PDB file of all heavy atoms in Angstrom:
ATOM      1  N   ARG A   1    -173.591-120.302 -19.425  1.00  0.00           N
ATOM      2  CA  ARG A   1    -174.887-121.042 -19.410  1.00  0.00           C
ATOM      3  C   ARG A   1    -176.020-120.001 -19.233  1.00  0.00           C
ATOM      4  O   ARG A   1    -176.032-119.250 -18.300  1.00  0.00           O
ATOM      5  CB  ARG A   1    -174.850-122.033 -18.271  1.00  0.00           C
ATOM      6  CG  ARG A   1    -176.115-122.870 -18.192  1.00  0.00           C
ATOM      7  CD  ARG A   1    -175.981-123.929 -17.151  1.00  0.00           C
ATOM      8  NE  ARG A   1    -177.246-124.636 -16.992  1.00  0.00           N
ATOM      9  CZ  ARG A   1    -177.380-125.667 -16.231  1.00  0.00           C
ATOM     10  NH1 ARG A   1    -176.350-126.121 -15.536  1.00  0.00           N
ATOM     11  NH2 ARG A   1    -178.548-126.255 -16.137  1.00  0.00           N
ATOM     12  N   LEU A   2    -176.981-120.090 -20.149  1.00  0.00           N
ATOM     13  CA  LEU A   2    -178.128-119.236 -20.016  1.00  0.00           C
ATOM     14  C   LEU A   2    -179.429-120.063 -19.867  1.00  0.00           C
ATOM     15  O   LEU A   2    -180.431-119.570 -19.411  1.00  0.00           O
ATOM     16  CB  LEU A   2    -178.283-118.289 -21.224  1.00  0.00           C
ATOM     17  CG  LEU A   2    -178.700-118.901 -22.560  1.00  0.00           C
ATOM     18  CD1 LEU A   2    -180.176-118.667 -22.824  1.00  0.00           C
ATOM     19  CD2 LEU A   2    -177.913-118.247 -23.656  1.00  0.00           C
ATOM     20  N   ILE A   3    -179.375-121.317 -20.208  1.00  0.00           N
ATOM     21  CA  ILE A   3    -180.521-122.213 -20.105  1.00  0.00           C
ATOM     22  C   ILE A   3    -180.550-122.861 -18.764  1.00  0.00           C
ATOM     23  O   ILE A   3    -179.514-123.318 -18.258  1.00  0.00           O
ATOM     24  CB  ILE A   3    -180.476-123.342 -21.207  1.00  0.00           C
ATOM     25  CG1 ILE A   3    -180.362-122.696 -22.589  1.00  0.00           C
ATOM     26  CG2 ILE A   3    -181.627-124.247 -21.112  1.00  0.00           C
ATOM     27  CD1 ILE A   3    -181.531-121.949 -23.080  1.00  0.00           C
ATOM     28  N   ASN A   4    -181.706-122.974 -18.099  1.00  0.00           N
ATOM     29  CA  ASN A   4    -181.741-123.573 -16.800  1.00  0.00           C
ATOM     30  C   ASN A   4    -181.694-125.140 -16.890  1.00  0.00           C
ATOM     31  O   ASN A   4    -181.672-125.692 -17.973  1.00  0.00           O
ATOM     32  CB  ASN A   4    -182.944-123.113 -15.968  1.00  0.00           C
ATOM     33  CG  ASN A   4    -184.263-123.576 -16.468  1.00  0.00           C
ATOM     34  OD1 ASN A   4    -184.352-124.437 -17.336  1.00  0.00           O
ATOM     35  ND2 ASN A   4    -185.330-122.991 -15.975  1.00  0.00           N
ATOM     36  N   ALA A   5    -181.748-125.831 -15.805  1.00  0.00           N
ATOM     37  CA  ALA A   5    -181.676-127.284 -15.755  1.00  0.00           C
ATOM     38  C   ALA A   5    -182.769-127.964 -16.568  1.00  0.00           C
ATOM     39  O   ALA A   5    -182.599-129.070 -17.023  1.00  0.00           O
ATOM     40  CB  ALA A   5    -181.665-127.767 -14.318  1.00  0.00           C
ATOM     41  N   GLU A   6    -183.906-127.367 -16.672  1.00  0.00           N
ATOM     42  CA  GLU A   6    -185.014-127.930 -17.390  1.00  0.00           C
ATOM     43  C   GLU A   6    -185.002-127.576 -18.891  1.00  0.00           C
ATOM     44  O   GLU A   6    -185.851-128.043 -19.577  1.00  0.00           O
ATOM     45  CB  GLU A   6    -186.378-127.443 -16.793  1.00  0.00           C
ATOM     46  CG  GLU A   6    -186.677-128.074 -15.413  1.00  0.00           C
ATOM     47  CD  GLU A   6    -185.754-127.518 -14.290  1.00  0.00           C
ATOM     48  OE1 GLU A   6    -185.515-126.293 -14.286  1.00  0.00           O
ATOM     49  OE2 GLU A   6    -185.339-128.353 -13.506  1.00  0.00           O
ATOM     50  N   GLY A   7    -184.067-126.785 -19.303  1.00  0.00           N
ATOM     51  CA  GLY A   7    -183.894-126.479 -20.732  1.00  0.00           C
ATOM     52  C   GLY A   7    -184.619-125.276 -21.265  1.00  0.00           C
ATOM     53  O   GLY A   7    -184.912-125.165 -22.393  1.00  0.00           O
ATOM     54  N   TRP A   8    -184.956-124.314 -20.393  1.00  0.00           N
ATOM     55  CA  TRP A   8    -185.606-123.113 -20.895  1.00  0.00           C
ATOM     56  C   TRP A   8    -184.987-121.847 -20.288  1.00  0.00           C
ATOM     57  O   TRP A   8    -184.242-121.897 -19.348  1.00  0.00           O
ATOM     58  CB  TRP A   8    -187.135-123.103 -20.609  1.00  0.00           C
ATOM     59  CG  TRP A   8    -187.508-123.184 -19.159  1.00  0.00           C
ATOM     60  CD1 TRP A   8    -187.756-124.302 -18.457  1.00  0.00           C
ATOM     61  CD2 TRP A   8    -187.751-122.083 -18.305  1.00  0.00           C
ATOM     62  NE1 TRP A   8    -188.116-123.955 -17.168  1.00  0.00           N
ATOM     63  CE2 TRP A   8    -188.059-122.608 -17.044  1.00  0.00           C
ATOM     64  CE3 TRP A   8    -187.659-120.691 -18.452  1.00  0.00           C
ATOM     65  CZ2 TRP A   8    -188.351-121.767 -15.971  1.00  0.00           C
ATOM     66  CZ3 TRP A   8    -187.903-119.864 -17.337  1.00  0.00           C
ATOM     67  CH2 TRP A   8    -188.268-120.422 -16.159  1.00  0.00           C
ATOM     68  N   ALA A   9    -185.272-120.687 -20.925  1.00  0.00           N
ATOM     69  CA  ALA A   9    -184.680-119.411 -20.491  1.00  0.00           C
ATOM     70  C   ALA A   9    -185.615-118.324 -21.008  1.00  0.00           C
ATOM     71  O   ALA A   9    -186.429-118.494 -21.869  1.00  0.00           O
ATOM     72  CB  ALA A   9    -183.300-119.254 -20.980  1.00  0.00           C
ATOM     73  N   PHE A  10    -185.387-117.113 -20.484  1.00  0.00           N
ATOM     74  CA  PHE A  10    -186.016-115.915 -20.882  1.00  0.00           C
ATOM     75  C   PHE A  10    -185.100-115.152 -21.877  1.00  0.00           C
ATOM     76  O   PHE A  10    -183.888-115.361 -21.869  1.00  0.00           O
ATOM     77  CB  PHE A  10    -186.394-115.010 -19.773  1.00  0.00           C
ATOM     78  CG  PHE A  10    -187.428-115.595 -18.806  1.00  0.00           C
ATOM     79  CD1 PHE A  10    -187.015-116.101 -17.595  1.00  0.00           C
ATOM     80  CD2 PHE A  10    -188.762-115.631 -19.144  1.00  0.00           C
ATOM     81  CE1 PHE A  10    -187.950-116.621 -16.722  1.00  0.00           C
ATOM     82  CE2 PHE A  10    -189.716-116.185 -18.300  1.00  0.00           C
ATOM     83  CZ  PHE A  10    -189.289-116.684 -17.091  1.00  0.00           C
ATOM     84  N   GLY A  11    -185.675-114.252 -22.667  1.00  0.00           N
ATOM     85  CA  GLY A  11    -184.864-113.405 -23.523  1.00  0.00           C
ATOM     86  C   GLY A  11    -183.849-112.636 -22.750  1.00  0.00           C
ATOM     87  O   GLY A  11    -182.757-112.388 -23.183  1.00  0.00           O
ATOM     88  N   SER A  12    -184.244-112.208 -21.503  1.00  0.00           N
ATOM     89  CA  SER A  12    -183.362-111.440 -20.678  1.00  0.00           C
ATOM     90  C   SER A  12    -182.143-112.287 -20.232  1.00  0.00           C
ATOM     91  O   SER A  12    -181.036-111.772 -20.062  1.00  0.00           O
ATOM     92  CB  SER A  12    -184.060-110.890 -19.486  1.00  0.00           C
ATOM     93  OG  SER A  12    -184.722-111.952 -18.734  1.00  0.00           O
ATOM     94  N   ASP A  13    -182.344-113.606 -20.132  1.00  0.00           N
ATOM     95  CA  ASP A  13    -181.240-114.522 -19.755  1.00  0.00           C
ATOM     96  C   ASP A  13    -180.203-114.509 -20.946  1.00  0.00           C
ATOM     97  O   ASP A  13    -179.031-114.480 -20.732  1.00  0.00           O
ATOM     98  CB  ASP A  13    -181.725-115.897 -19.514  1.00  0.00           C
ATOM     99  CG  ASP A  13    -182.646-116.021 -18.312  1.00  0.00           C
ATOM    100  OD1 ASP A  13    -182.355-115.318 -17.312  1.00  0.00           O
ATOM    101  OD2 ASP A  13    -183.626-116.756 -18.382  1.00  0.00           O
ATOM    102  N   ALA A  14    -180.742-114.599 -22.148  1.00  0.00           N
ATOM    103  CA  ALA A  14    -179.885-114.577 -23.324  1.00  0.00           C
ATOM    104  C   ALA A  14    -179.075-113.327 -23.379  1.00  0.00           C
ATOM    105  O   ALA A  14    -177.848-113.320 -23.603  1.00  0.00           O
ATOM    106  CB  ALA A  14    -180.652-114.808 -24.600  1.00  0.00           C
ATOM    107  N   ALA A  15    -179.731-112.176 -23.192  1.00  0.00           N
ATOM    108  CA  ALA A  15    -179.090-110.875 -23.244  1.00  0.00           C
ATOM    109  C   ALA A  15    -178.038-110.789 -22.148  1.00  0.00           C
ATOM    110  O   ALA A  15    -176.889-110.368 -22.422  1.00  0.00           O
ATOM    111  CB  ALA A  15    -180.096-109.766 -23.090  1.00  0.00           C
ATOM    112  N   ALA A  16    -178.295-111.286 -20.952  1.00  0.00           N
ATOM    113  CA  ALA A  16    -177.350-111.207 -19.829  1.00  0.00           C
ATOM    114  C   ALA A  16    -176.144-112.078 -20.169  1.00  0.00           C
ATOM    115  O   ALA A  16    -174.994-111.704 -19.861  1.00  0.00           O
ATOM    116  CB  ALA A  16    -178.007-111.671 -18.526  1.00  0.00           C
ATOM    117  N   ALA A  17    -176.340-113.235 -20.789  1.00  0.00           N
ATOM    118  CA  ALA A  17    -175.232-114.125 -21.119  1.00  0.00           C
ATOM    119  C   ALA A  17    -174.332-113.466 -22.134  1.00  0.00           C
ATOM    120  O   ALA A  17    -173.079-113.541 -22.085  1.00  0.00           O
ATOM    121  CB  ALA A  17    -175.755-115.433 -21.665  1.00  0.00           C
ATOM    122  N   ILE A  18    -174.930-112.768 -23.123  1.00  0.00           N
ATOM    123  CA  ILE A  18    -174.107-112.114 -24.123  1.00  0.00           C
ATOM    124  C   ILE A  18    -173.315-110.959 -23.534  1.00  0.00           C
ATOM    125  O   ILE A  18    -172.096-110.770 -23.791  1.00  0.00           O
ATOM    126  CB  ILE A  18    -174.965-111.662 -25.331  1.00  0.00           C
ATOM    127  CG1 ILE A  18    -175.588-112.862 -25.991  1.00  0.00           C
ATOM    128  CG2 ILE A  18    -174.144-110.826 -26.330  1.00  0.00           C
ATOM    129  CD1 ILE A  18    -176.742-112.522 -26.894  1.00  0.00           C
ATOM    130  N   TYR A  19    -173.963-110.153 -22.711  1.00  0.00           N
ATOM    131  CA  TYR A  19    -173.237-109.047 -22.028  1.00  0.00           C
ATOM    132  C   TYR A  19    -172.084-109.608 -21.231  1.00  0.00           C
ATOM    133  O   TYR A  19    -171.000-109.079 -21.250  1.00  0.00           O
ATOM    134  CB  TYR A  19    -174.205-108.282 -21.075  1.00  0.00           C
ATOM    135  CG  TYR A  19    -175.034-107.200 -21.716  1.00  0.00           C
ATOM    136  CD1 TYR A  19    -176.401-107.286 -21.725  1.00  0.00           C
ATOM    137  CD2 TYR A  19    -174.409-106.124 -22.359  1.00  0.00           C
ATOM    138  CE1 TYR A  19    -177.182-106.285 -22.276  1.00  0.00           C
ATOM    139  CE2 TYR A  19    -175.183-105.133 -22.961  1.00  0.00           C
ATOM    140  CZ  TYR A  19    -176.598-105.220 -22.916  1.00  0.00           C
ATOM    141  OH  TYR A  19    -177.330-104.263 -23.492  1.00  0.00           O
ATOM    142  N   TYR A  20    -172.346-110.716 -20.469  1.00  0.00           N
ATOM    143  CA  TYR A  20    -171.288-111.300 -19.679  1.00  0.00           C
ATOM    144  C   TYR A  20    -170.053-111.735 -20.556  1.00  0.00           C
ATOM    145  O   TYR A  20    -168.990-111.418 -20.241  1.00  0.00           O
ATOM    146  CB  TYR A  20    -171.825-112.519 -18.915  1.00  0.00           C
ATOM    147  CG  TYR A  20    -170.775-113.221 -18.164  1.00  0.00           C
ATOM    148  CD1 TYR A  20    -170.452-112.812 -16.851  1.00  0.00           C
ATOM    149  CD2 TYR A  20    -170.060-114.320 -18.702  1.00  0.00           C
ATOM    150  CE1 TYR A  20    -169.438-113.493 -16.116  1.00  0.00           C
ATOM    151  CE2 TYR A  20    -169.082-114.955 -17.993  1.00  0.00           C
ATOM    152  CZ  TYR A  20    -168.774-114.533 -16.688  1.00  0.00           C
ATOM    153  OH  TYR A  20    -167.726-115.173 -16.015  1.00  0.00           O
ATOM    154  N   ALA A  21    -170.395-112.426 -21.623  1.00  0.00           N
ATOM    155  CA  ALA A  21    -169.356-112.917 -22.488  1.00  0.00           C
ATOM    156  C   ALA A  21    -168.550-111.792 -23.088  1.00  0.00           C
ATOM    157  O   ALA A  21    -167.279-111.808 -23.048  1.00  0.00           O
ATOM    158  CB  ALA A  21    -169.913-113.823 -23.607  1.00  0.00           C
ATOM    159  N   VAL A  22    -169.217-110.809 -23.629  1.00  0.00           N
ATOM    160  CA  VAL A  22    -168.523-109.662 -24.247  1.00  0.00           C
ATOM    161  C   VAL A  22    -167.680-108.896 -23.205  1.00  0.00           C
ATOM    162  O   VAL A  22    -166.525-108.592 -23.455  1.00  0.00           O
ATOM    163  CB  VAL A  22    -169.504-108.741 -24.949  1.00  0.00           C
ATOM    164  CG1 VAL A  22    -168.802-107.494 -25.457  1.00  0.00           C
ATOM    165  CG2 VAL A  22    -170.164-109.460 -26.118  1.00  0.00           C
ATOM    166  N   ASN A  23    -168.289-108.675 -22.067  1.00  0.00           N
ATOM    167  CA  ASN A  23    -167.578-107.918 -21.002  1.00  0.00           C
ATOM    168  C   ASN A  23    -166.371-108.660 -20.434  1.00  0.00           C
ATOM    169  O   ASN A  23    -165.491-108.063 -19.767  1.00  0.00           O
ATOM    170  CB  ASN A  23    -168.523-107.523 -19.896  1.00  0.00           C
ATOM    171  CG  ASN A  23    -169.389-106.372 -20.283  1.00  0.00           C
ATOM    172  OD1 ASN A  23    -169.037-105.471 -21.071  1.00  0.00           O
ATOM    173  ND2 ASN A  23    -170.617-106.333 -19.790  1.00  0.00           N
ATOM    174  N   ASN A  24    -166.354-109.986 -20.633  1.00  0.00           N
ATOM    175  CA  ASN A  24    -165.262-110.805 -20.076  1.00  0.00           C
ATOM    176  C   ASN A  24    -164.310-111.284 -21.212  1.00  0.00           C
ATOM    177  O   ASN A  24    -163.581-112.241 -21.030  1.00  0.00           O
ATOM    178  CB  ASN A  24    -165.806-111.984 -19.267  1.00  0.00           C
ATOM    179  CG  ASN A  24    -166.305-111.457 -17.949  1.00  0.00           C
ATOM    180  OD1 ASN A  24    -165.471-111.297 -17.028  1.00  0.00           O
ATOM    181  ND2 ASN A  24    -167.624-111.336 -17.858  1.00  0.00           N
ATOM    182  N   GLY A  25    -164.339-110.583 -22.355  1.00  0.00           N
ATOM    183  CA  GLY A  25    -163.323-110.739 -23.380  1.00  0.00           C
ATOM    184  C   GLY A  25    -163.662-111.731 -24.501  1.00  0.00           C
ATOM    185  O   GLY A  25    -162.779-111.973 -25.354  1.00  0.00           O
ATOM    186  N   ALA A  26    -164.859-112.301 -24.572  1.00  0.00           N
ATOM    187  CA  ALA A  26    -165.168-113.188 -25.670  1.00  0.00           C
ATOM    188  C   ALA A  26    -165.227-112.365 -26.978  1.00  0.00           C
ATOM    189  O   ALA A  26    -165.906-111.336 -27.007  1.00  0.00           O
ATOM    190  CB  ALA A  26    -166.501-113.924 -25.415  1.00  0.00           C
ATOM    191  N   ARG A  27    -164.535-112.876 -27.968  1.00  0.00           N
ATOM    192  CA  ARG A  27    -164.569-112.167 -29.268  1.00  0.00           C
ATOM    193  C   ARG A  27    -165.606-112.722 -30.190  1.00  0.00           C
ATOM    194  O   ARG A  27    -166.017-112.012 -31.141  1.00  0.00           O
ATOM    195  CB  ARG A  27    -163.134-112.254 -29.917  1.00  0.00           C
ATOM    196  CG  ARG A  27    -162.136-111.509 -29.040  1.00  0.00           C
ATOM    197  CD  ARG A  27    -160.726-111.547 -29.582  1.00  0.00           C
ATOM    198  NE  ARG A  27    -160.537-112.343 -30.775  1.00  0.00           N
ATOM    199  CZ  ARG A  27    -159.463-113.039 -31.023  1.00  0.00           C
ATOM    200  NH1 ARG A  27    -158.477-113.038 -30.168  1.00  0.00           N
ATOM    201  NH2 ARG A  27    -159.300-113.739 -32.114  1.00  0.00           N
ATOM    202  N   VAL A  28    -166.011-113.932 -29.973  1.00  0.00           N
ATOM    203  CA  VAL A  28    -167.006-114.618 -30.817  1.00  0.00           C
ATOM    204  C   VAL A  28    -167.954-115.344 -29.895  1.00  0.00           C
ATOM    205  O   VAL A  28    -167.509-115.934 -28.925  1.00  0.00           O
ATOM    206  CB  VAL A  28    -166.384-115.653 -31.814  1.00  0.00           C
ATOM    207  CG1 VAL A  28    -167.381-116.344 -32.626  1.00  0.00           C
ATOM    208  CG2 VAL A  28    -165.354-114.925 -32.695  1.00  0.00           C
ATOM    209  N   SER A  29    -169.267-115.375 -30.199  1.00  0.00           N
ATOM    210  CA  SER A  29    -170.188-116.188 -29.421  1.00  0.00           C
ATOM    211  C   SER A  29    -171.025-117.058 -30.355  1.00  0.00           C
ATOM    212  O   SER A  29    -171.401-116.613 -31.426  1.00  0.00           O
ATOM    213  CB  SER A  29    -171.054-115.364 -28.508  1.00  0.00           C
ATOM    214  OG  SER A  29    -171.880-114.471 -29.247  1.00  0.00           O
ATOM    215  N   ASN A  30    -171.210-118.279 -29.950  1.00  0.00           N
ATOM    216  CA  ASN A  30    -172.068-119.196 -30.699  1.00  0.00           C
ATOM    217  C   ASN A  30    -173.413-119.235 -29.939  1.00  0.00           C
ATOM    218  O   ASN A  30    -173.433-119.605 -28.740  1.00  0.00           O
ATOM    219  CB  ASN A  30    -171.430-120.612 -30.730  1.00  0.00           C
ATOM    220  CG  ASN A  30    -172.405-121.583 -31.362  1.00  0.00           C
ATOM    221  OD1 ASN A  30    -172.766-121.431 -32.560  1.00  0.00           O
ATOM    222  ND2 ASN A  30    -172.787-122.579 -30.638  1.00  0.00           N
ATOM    223  N   ASN A  31    -174.467-118.921 -30.597  1.00  0.00           N
ATOM    224  CA  ASN A  31    -175.795-118.835 -29.980  1.00  0.00           C
ATOM    225  C   ASN A  31    -176.745-119.695 -30.718  1.00  0.00           C
ATOM    226  O   ASN A  31    -177.344-119.296 -31.717  1.00  0.00           O
ATOM    227  CB  ASN A  31    -176.240-117.371 -30.021  1.00  0.00           C
ATOM    228  CG  ASN A  31    -175.256-116.452 -29.347  1.00  0.00           C
ATOM    229  OD1 ASN A  31    -175.321-116.246 -28.124  1.00  0.00           O
ATOM    230  ND2 ASN A  31    -174.309-115.974 -30.070  1.00  0.00           N
ATOM    231  N   SER A  32    -176.928-120.917 -30.257  1.00  0.00           N
ATOM    232  CA  SER A  32    -177.836-121.842 -30.934  1.00  0.00           C
ATOM    233  C   SER A  32    -179.017-122.190 -30.010  1.00  0.00           C
ATOM    234  O   SER A  32    -179.050-123.223 -29.429  1.00  0.00           O
ATOM    235  CB  SER A  32    -177.121-123.082 -31.425  1.00  0.00           C
ATOM    236  OG  SER A  32    -176.466-123.727 -30.372  1.00  0.00           O
TER     237      SER A  32
END
């Protein structure tokens, strides 16, 4: 989860989510 309860996020949140997923073994990410 990168979006907060109100439905918004910063670009840094998106980057952190991708780093987390990749570092924890995700081979594919869906980013919509």
